[in-house]
C-alpha atoms as a PDB file:
ATOM      1  CA  MET A   1     123.268 118.262 271.867  1.00  0.00           C
ATOM      2  CA  THR A   2     122.626 115.728 269.124  1.00  0.00           C
ATOM      3  CA  ARG A   3     121.741 117.340 265.830  1.00  0.00           C
ATOM      4  CA  ARG A   4     118.487 116.288 264.252  1.00  0.00           C
ATOM      5  CA  THR A   5     116.503 117.670 261.397  1.00  0.00           C
ATOM      6  CA  PRO A   6     113.330 119.454 262.532  1.00  0.00           C
ATOM      7  CA  ARG A   7     110.586 117.968 260.393  1.00  0.00           C
ATOM      8  CA  PRO A   8     106.961 116.803 260.726  1.00  0.00           C
ATOM      9  CA  ARG A   9     106.428 113.401 262.227  1.00  0.00           C
ATOM     10  CA  GLU A  10     106.392 110.497 259.858  1.00  0.00           C
ATOM     11  CA  ARG A  11     102.660 109.943 260.050  1.00  0.00           C
ATOM     12  CA  GLY A  12     101.334 111.461 256.885  1.00  0.00           C
ATOM     13  CA  ILE A  13     100.614 115.057 257.870  1.00  0.00           C
ATOM     14  CA  PRO A  14     100.065 117.024 254.623  1.00  0.00           C
ATOM     15  CA  GLU A  15     102.607 119.721 253.846  1.00  0.00           C
ATOM     16  CA  ALA A  16      99.797 122.280 253.550  1.00  0.00           C
ATOM     17  CA  THR A  17      98.793 121.472 257.122  1.00  0.00           C
ATOM     18  CA  VAL A  18     102.393 121.777 258.302  1.00  0.00           C
ATOM     19  CA  ALA A  19     102.573 125.230 256.687  1.00  0.00           C
ATOM     20  CA  ARG A  20      99.510 126.354 258.659  1.00  0.00           C
ATOM     21  CA  LEU A  21     100.624 125.036 262.049  1.00  0.00           C
ATOM     22  CA  PRO A  22     102.952 128.000 262.776  1.00  0.00           C
ATOM     23  CA  VAL A  23     100.051 130.360 262.018  1.00  0.00           C
ATOM     24  CA  TYR A  24      97.871 128.540 264.541  1.00  0.00           C
ATOM     25  CA  LEU A  25     100.690 128.545 267.071  1.00  0.00           C
ATOM     26  CA  ARG A  26     101.237 132.296 266.802  1.00  0.00           C
ATOM     27  CA  ALA A  27      97.528 132.954 267.336  1.00  0.00           C
ATOM     28  CA  LEU A  28      97.348 130.527 270.250  1.00  0.00           C
ATOM     29  CA  GLN A  29     100.349 132.110 271.964  1.00  0.00           C
ATOM     30  CA  ALA A  30      98.717 135.546 271.649  1.00  0.00           C
ATOM     31  CA  LEU A  31      95.515 134.139 273.156  1.00  0.00           C
ATOM     32  CA  ASN A  32      97.490 132.557 275.965  1.00  0.00           C
ATOM     33  CA  ASP A  33      99.204 135.888 276.682  1.00  0.00           C
ATOM     34  CA  GLN A  34      95.748 137.468 276.945  1.00  0.00           C
ATOM     35  CA  GLY A  35      94.676 134.840 279.488  1.00  0.00           C
ATOM     36  CA  THR A  36      92.208 133.063 277.179  1.00  0.00           C
ATOM     37  CA  PRO A  37      91.788 129.468 278.473  1.00  0.00           C
ATOM     38  CA  THR A  38      89.728 127.951 275.640  1.00  0.00           C
ATOM     39  CA  ILE A  39      88.712 128.828 272.096  1.00  0.00           C
ATOM     40  CA  SER A  40      86.261 127.428 269.587  1.00  0.00           C
ATOM     41  CA  SER A  41      87.352 126.221 266.172  1.00  0.00           C
ATOM     42  CA  GLU A  42      85.248 128.974 264.578  1.00  0.00           C
ATOM     43  CA  ASP A  43      86.959 131.728 266.575  1.00  0.00           C
ATOM     44  CA  LEU A  44      90.447 130.329 266.010  1.00  0.00           C
ATOM     45  CA  ALA A  45      89.698 129.976 262.307  1.00  0.00           C
ATOM     46  CA  ALA A  46      88.557 133.603 262.149  1.00  0.00           C
ATOM     47  CA  ILE A  47      91.727 134.807 263.872  1.00  0.00           C
ATOM     48  CA  THR A  48      94.002 132.822 261.562  1.00  0.00           C
ATOM     49  CA  GLY A  49      92.048 133.409 258.345  1.00  0.00           C
ATOM     50  CA  VAL A  50      91.390 129.708 257.758  1.00  0.00           C
ATOM     51  CA  ASN A  51      88.137 127.898 257.049  1.00  0.00           C
ATOM     52  CA  SER A  52      86.928 126.313 260.310  1.00  0.00           C
ATOM     53  CA  ALA A  53      86.418 122.862 258.742  1.00  0.00           C
ATOM     54  CA  LYS A  54      89.985 122.961 257.396  1.00  0.00           C
ATOM     55  CA  LEU A  55      91.289 124.031 260.808  1.00  0.00           C
ATOM     56  CA  ARG A  56      89.506 121.146 262.546  1.00  0.00           C
ATOM     57  CA  LYS A  57      90.926 118.702 260.015  1.00  0.00           C
ATOM     58  CA  ASP A  58      94.414 120.131 260.468  1.00  0.00           C
ATOM     59  CA  LEU A  59      94.236 119.788 264.246  1.00  0.00           C
ATOM     60  CA  SER A  60      92.833 116.271 263.998  1.00  0.00           C
ATOM     61  CA  HIS A  61      96.193 115.211 262.528  1.00  0.00           C
ATOM     62  CA  LEU A  62      97.642 116.122 265.930  1.00  0.00           C
ATOM     63  CA  GLY A  63      95.061 114.020 267.737  1.00  0.00           C
ATOM     64  CA  SER A  64      93.287 117.136 268.953  1.00  0.00           C
ATOM     65  CA  TYR A  65      89.521 117.241 268.465  1.00  0.00           C
ATOM     66  CA  GLY A  66      88.439 119.773 271.076  1.00  0.00           C
ATOM     67  CA  THR A  67      85.434 119.446 273.379  1.00  0.00           C
ATOM     68  CA  ARG A  68      81.914 119.987 272.090  1.00  0.00           C
ATOM     69  CA  GLY A  69      80.477 123.184 273.526  1.00  0.00           C
ATOM     70  CA  VAL A  70      83.832 124.212 274.984  1.00  0.00           C
ATOM     71  CA  GLY A  71      86.368 124.178 272.162  1.00  0.00           C
ATOM     72  CA  TYR A  72      90.102 123.692 272.473  1.00  0.00           C
ATOM     73  CA  ASP A  73      92.218 124.108 275.577  1.00  0.00           C
ATOM     74  CA  VAL A  74      94.612 126.856 274.460  1.00  0.00           C
ATOM     75  CA  ASP A  75      97.542 125.839 276.650  1.00  0.00           C
ATOM     76  CA  TYR A  76      97.375 122.172 275.689  1.00  0.00           C
ATOM     77  CA  LEU A  77      96.926 122.989 271.998  1.00  0.00           C
ATOM     78  CA  ILE A  78     100.053 125.147 272.148  1.00  0.00           C
ATOM     79  CA  TYR A  79     101.904 122.107 273.494  1.00  0.00           C
ATOM     80  CA  GLN A  80     100.496 119.819 270.787  1.00  0.00           C
ATOM     81  CA  VAL A  81     101.379 122.160 267.922  1.00  0.00           C
ATOM     82  CA  SER A  82     104.817 122.937 269.393  1.00  0.00           C
ATOM     83  CA  ARG A  83     105.536 119.228 269.787  1.00  0.00           C
ATOM     84  CA  GLU A  84     104.521 118.508 266.202  1.00  0.00           C
ATOM     85  CA  LEU A  85     106.740 121.313 264.907  1.00  0.00           C
ATOM     86  CA  GLY A  86     109.685 120.110 266.983  1.00  0.00           C
ATOM     87  CA  LEU A  87     109.665 123.220 269.163  1.00  0.00           C
ATOM     88  CA  THR A  88     109.724 121.421 272.497  1.00  0.00           C
ATOM     89  CA  GLN A  89     113.513 121.396 272.162  1.00  0.00           C
ATOM     90  CA  ASP A  90     116.017 124.065 271.165  1.00  0.00           C
ATOM     91  CA  TRP A  91     117.467 124.221 267.659  1.00  0.00           C
ATOM     92  CA  SER A  92     120.872 125.779 267.055  1.00  0.00           C
ATOM     93  CA  VAL A  93     120.992 128.127 264.073  1.00  0.00           C
ATOM     94  CA  ALA A  94     123.945 129.526 262.127  1.00  0.00           C
ATOM     95  CA  ILE A  95     123.515 132.647 259.998  1.00  0.00           C
ATOM     96  CA  ILE A  96     125.928 132.926 257.086  1.00  0.00           C
ATOM     97  CA  GLY A  97     126.226 136.369 255.550  1.00  0.00           C
ATOM     98  CA  ILE A  98     126.227 139.221 258.053  1.00  0.00           C
ATOM     99  CA  GLY A  99     125.233 142.115 255.833  1.00  0.00           C
ATOM    100  CA  ASN A 100     122.165 144.227 256.532  1.00  0.00           C
ATOM    101  CA  LEU A 101     119.783 141.271 256.296  1.00  0.00           C
ATOM    102  CA  GLY A 102     121.978 138.935 258.319  1.00  0.00           C
ATOM    103  CA  ARG A 103     122.354 141.546 261.057  1.00  0.00           C
ATOM    104  CA  ALA A 104     118.611 142.126 261.148  1.00  0.00           C
ATOM    105  CA  LEU A 105     117.999 138.382 261.519  1.00  0.00           C
ATOM    106  CA  ALA A 106     120.630 138.080 264.242  1.00  0.00           C
ATOM    107  CA  ASN A 107     119.056 140.951 266.173  1.00  0.00           C
ATOM    108  CA  TYR A 108     115.507 139.643 265.906  1.00  0.00           C
ATOM    109  CA  GLY A 109     114.350 138.780 269.406  1.00  0.00           C
ATOM    110  CA  GLY A 110     111.548 136.409 268.464  1.00  0.00           C
ATOM    111  CA  PHE A 111     113.626 133.337 267.620  1.00  0.00           C
ATOM    112  CA  GLY A 112     114.564 132.403 271.169  1.00  0.00           C
ATOM    113  CA  SER A 113     111.006 132.250 272.442  1.00  0.00           C
ATOM    114  CA  ARG A 114     110.143 129.893 269.597  1.00  0.00           C
ATOM    115  CA  GLY A 115     112.864 127.349 270.235  1.00  0.00           C
ATOM    116  CA  PHE A 116     115.602 128.681 267.943  1.00  0.00           C
ATOM    117  CA  ARG A 117     118.973 129.691 269.355  1.00  0.00           C
ATOM    118  CA  ILE A 118     121.214 131.806 267.133  1.00  0.00           C
ATOM    119  CA  ALA A 119     124.462 129.985 267.841  1.00  0.00           C
ATOM    120  CA  ALA A 120     126.851 131.362 265.215  1.00  0.00           C
ATOM    121  CA  LEU A 121     127.364 134.199 262.750  1.00  0.00           C
ATOM    122  CA  LEU A 122     129.749 133.769 259.815  1.00  0.00           C
ATOM    123  CA  ASP A 123     130.929 135.956 256.965  1.00  0.00           C
ATOM    124  CA  ALA A 124     133.671 136.027 254.312  1.00  0.00           C
ATOM    125  CA  ASP A 125     134.467 139.719 254.822  1.00  0.00           C
ATOM    126  CA  SER A 126     137.562 139.951 257.023  1.00  0.00           C
ATOM    127  CA  SER A 127     136.725 143.576 257.876  1.00  0.00           C
ATOM    128  CA  ILE A 128     133.701 142.518 259.946  1.00  0.00           C
ATOM    129  CA  VAL A 129     135.069 139.241 261.321  1.00  0.00           C
ATOM    130  CA  GLY A 130     135.457 139.738 265.056  1.00  0.00           C
ATOM    131  CA  ASP A 131     132.675 142.324 265.247  1.00  0.00           C
ATOM    132  CA  LYS A 132     129.895 141.560 267.683  1.00  0.00           C
ATOM    133  CA  VAL A 133     126.317 141.430 266.446  1.00  0.00           C
ATOM    134  CA  ALA A 134     123.523 140.712 268.922  1.00  0.00           C
ATOM    135  CA  GLY A 135     126.205 139.743 271.415  1.00  0.00           C
ATOM    136  CA  LEU A 136     127.809 137.132 269.139  1.00  0.00           C
ATOM    137  CA  PRO A 137     131.185 137.426 267.389  1.00  0.00           C
ATOM    138  CA  VAL A 138     131.208 137.240 263.608  1.00  0.00           C
ATOM    139  CA  ARG A 139     133.438 134.337 262.620  1.00  0.00           C
ATOM    140  CA  HIS A 140     135.158 133.710 259.317  1.00  0.00           C
ATOM    141  CA  ILE A 141     133.465 131.445 256.826  1.00  0.00           C
ATOM    142  CA  GLU A 142     136.732 129.489 256.531  1.00  0.00           C
ATOM    143  CA  ILE A 143     135.941 127.752 259.820  1.00  0.00           C
ATOM    144  CA  LEU A 144     132.305 126.972 259.004  1.00  0.00           C
ATOM    145  CA  GLU A 145     132.727 123.213 259.430  1.00  0.00           C
ATOM    146  CA  GLU A 146     134.392 123.664 262.792  1.00  0.00           C
ATOM    147  CA  VAL A 147     131.674 126.043 263.973  1.00  0.00           C
ATOM    148  CA  VAL A 148     128.841 123.779 262.818  1.00  0.00           C
ATOM    149  CA  ALA A 149     130.313 120.855 264.728  1.00  0.00           C
ATOM    150  CA  GLY A 150     131.183 122.881 267.817  1.00  0.00           C
ATOM    151  CA  GLU A 151     127.782 124.563 268.087  1.00  0.00           C
ATOM    152  CA  SER A 152     125.749 121.489 267.039  1.00  0.00           C
ATOM    153  CA  VAL A 153     124.087 123.548 264.322  1.00  0.00           C
ATOM    154  CA  SER A 154     120.780 122.114 263.108  1.00  0.00           C
ATOM    155  CA  ILE A 155     119.674 124.854 260.722  1.00  0.00           C
ATOM    156  CA  GLY A 156     121.706 127.018 258.381  1.00  0.00           C
ATOM    157  CA  VAL A 157     120.406 130.431 257.331  1.00  0.00           C
ATOM    158  CA  ILE A 158     121.943 131.709 254.103  1.00  0.00           C
ATOM    159  CA  ALA A 159     121.871 135.506 253.749  1.00  0.00           C
ATOM    160  CA  THR A 160     124.789 135.814 251.324  1.00  0.00           C
ATOM    161  CA  PRO A 161     124.880 137.281 247.812  1.00  0.00           C
ATOM    162  CA  ALA A 162     123.494 134.903 245.193  1.00  0.00           C
ATOM    163  CA  ALA A 163     126.930 134.014 243.796  1.00  0.00           C
ATOM    164  CA  ALA A 164     128.090 132.578 247.117  1.00  0.00           C
ATOM    165  CA  ALA A 165     124.903 130.827 248.211  1.00  0.00           C
ATOM    166  CA  GLN A 166     125.356 127.458 246.498  1.00  0.00           C
ATOM    167  CA  SER A 167     128.902 126.935 247.736  1.00  0.00           C
ATOM    168  CA  VAL A 168     127.852 127.864 251.279  1.00  0.00           C
ATOM    169  CA  CYS A 169     124.935 125.447 251.029  1.00  0.00           C
ATOM    170  CA  ASP A 170     127.219 122.683 249.765  1.00  0.00           C
ATOM    171  CA  ARG A 171     129.508 123.163 252.741  1.00  0.00           C
ATOM    172  CA  LEU A 172     126.602 123.137 255.198  1.00  0.00           C
ATOM    173  CA  VAL A 173     125.262 119.932 253.686  1.00  0.00           C
ATOM    174  CA  GLY A 174     128.751 118.453 253.648  1.00  0.00           C
ATOM    175  CA  CYS A 175     129.055 118.824 257.408  1.00  0.00           C
ATOM    176  CA  GLY A 176     125.666 117.357 258.185  1.00  0.00           C
ATOM    177  CA  VAL A 177     123.211 120.257 258.138  1.00  0.00           C
ATOM    178  CA  THR A 178     119.994 119.085 256.489  1.00  0.00           C
ATOM    179  CA  SER A 179     117.731 122.117 257.020  1.00  0.00           C
ATOM    180  CA  VAL A 180     118.459 125.392 255.222  1.00  0.00           C
ATOM    181  CA  LEU A 181     116.603 128.700 255.157  1.00  0.00           C
ATOM    182  CA  ASN A 182     117.683 130.556 252.037  1.00  0.00           C
ATOM    183  CA  PHE A 183     117.337 134.318 251.655  1.00  0.00           C
ATOM    184  CA  ALA A 184     119.659 134.518 248.646  1.00  0.00           C
ATOM    185  CA  PRO A 185     117.912 135.171 245.305  1.00  0.00           C
ATOM    186  CA  VAL A 186     118.900 131.831 243.799  1.00  0.00           C
ATOM    187  CA  VAL A 187     117.552 128.290 243.682  1.00  0.00           C
ATOM    188  CA  LEU A 188     119.783 125.909 245.623  1.00  0.00           C
ATOM    189  CA  ASN A 189     120.550 122.387 244.441  1.00  0.00           C
ATOM    190  CA  VAL A 190     120.495 119.953 247.356  1.00  0.00           C
ATOM    191  CA  PRO A 191     120.155 116.199 247.910  1.00  0.00           C
ATOM    192  CA  PRO A 192     116.630 114.817 248.541  1.00  0.00           C
ATOM    193  CA  SER A 193     117.431 114.431 252.243  1.00  0.00           C
ATOM    194  CA  VAL A 194     117.924 118.192 252.670  1.00  0.00           C
ATOM    195  CA  ASP A 195     115.009 120.552 253.322  1.00  0.00           C
ATOM    196  CA  VAL A 196     115.311 124.060 251.897  1.00  0.00           C
ATOM    197  CA  ARG A 197     112.875 126.903 252.519  1.00  0.00           C
ATOM    198  CA  LYS A 198     113.326 129.929 250.294  1.00  0.00           C
ATOM    199  CA  VAL A 199     112.420 133.487 251.263  1.00  0.00           C
ATOM    200  CA  ASP A 200     112.611 135.973 248.383  1.00  0.00           C
ATOM    201  CA  LEU A 201     111.292 139.394 249.374  1.00  0.00           C
ATOM    202  CA  SER A 202     111.631 140.790 245.858  1.00  0.00           C
ATOM    203  CA  ILE A 203     109.339 138.082 244.482  1.00  0.00           C
ATOM    204  CA  GLU A 204     106.725 138.856 247.126  1.00  0.00           C
ATOM    205  CA  LEU A 205     106.908 142.549 246.239  1.00  0.00           C
ATOM    206  CA  GLN A 206     106.509 141.728 242.548  1.00  0.00           C
ATOM    207  CA  ILE A 207     103.392 139.683 243.300  1.00  0.00           C
ATOM    208  CA  LEU A 208     101.968 142.604 245.263  1.00  0.00           C
ATOM    209  CA  ALA A 209     102.818 144.936 242.377  1.00  0.00           C
ATOM    210  CA  PHE A 210     100.905 142.632 240.030  1.00  0.00           C
ATOM    211  CA  HIS A 211      97.790 142.838 242.212  1.00  0.00           C
ATOM    212  CA  GLU A 212      98.132 146.598 242.598  1.00  0.00           C
ATOM    213  CA  GLN A 213      98.332 146.983 238.826  1.00  0.00           C
ATOM    214  CA  ARG A 214      95.203 144.885 238.325  1.00  0.00           C
ATOM    215  CA  LYS A 215      93.352 147.031 240.853  1.00  0.00           C
ATOM    216  CA  SER A 216      94.456 150.232 239.139  1.00  0.00           C
ATOM    217  CA  ASP A 217      93.377 148.776 235.770  1.00  0.00           C
ATOM    218  CA  GLY A 218      89.877 148.343 237.157  1.00  0.00           C
ATOM    219  CA  TYR A 219      89.941 144.574 237.506  1.00  0.00           C
ATOM    220  CA  GLY A 220      87.813 143.729 240.512  1.00  0.00           C
ATOM    221  CA  GLY A 221      88.259 139.969 240.744  1.00  0.00           C
ATOM    222  CA  PRO A 222      85.966 137.191 239.435  1.00  0.00           C
ATOM    223  CA  GLU A 223      82.828 139.189 240.216  1.00  0.00           C
ATOM    224  CA  TRP A 224      83.973 141.715 237.602  1.00  0.00           C
ATOM    225  CA  PHE A 225      83.104 139.078 234.979  1.00  0.00           C
ATOM    226  CA  GLY A 226      79.898 138.040 236.727  1.00  0.00           C
ATOM    227  CA  ILE A 227      81.547 134.969 238.248  1.00  0.00           C
ATOM    228  CA  PRO A 228      80.747 134.259 241.924  1.00  0.00           C
ATOM    229  CA  GLY A 229      83.731 134.927 244.163  1.00  0.00           C
ATOM    230  CA  SER A 230      83.248 131.592 245.926  1.00  0.00           C
ATOM    231  CA  LEU A 231      84.451 129.814 242.805  1.00  0.00           C
ATOM    232  CA  THR A 232      87.993 131.218 243.137  1.00  0.00           C
END
């Protein structure tokens, strides 16, 4: 398989729209599983928590405008969104760092149905090299370049401690990987041609703690000051 970088088509789709497409896809797949053949923009917007006008604009970037009085064909819209996200082909993924988080990611069953194949697991700890996780052997980080080439890895997932993340990223980039999902609590420095998505659970928890504190302090949002909520 030839490695390519999964990215939006070069036709000016806003990044905010790209970020919402997976949300639409998840809702559409659930509707399809329920046997729902069509859905209106208003109903799909309600399910996904998006303004219906924004949803229609997002889907128009895909060339999908729906049918007046009928709505969108769920099955065809799944195809359109999947195609735009690059999910009509399989992407090989390598997870580096097989601690608790790495093992949880490897064992997650939802990747395969969404076009992502966990192809390799790597770690620097010799005591777990050779262990099997989710049916795959853990390989030593020393052979990362060999594994990336042999498995045609498209996406690298970094689940290492912060101190090791940058060097792992550098090696991934050095052997041609241009899409990285980073779970390490550190900002990675990469060339402009490399896409990095960062997932920091501690930051998300801190944001939630901030909102909880404001609620406990009696702050009720803009309306608390007599400001209409629609202005936020």
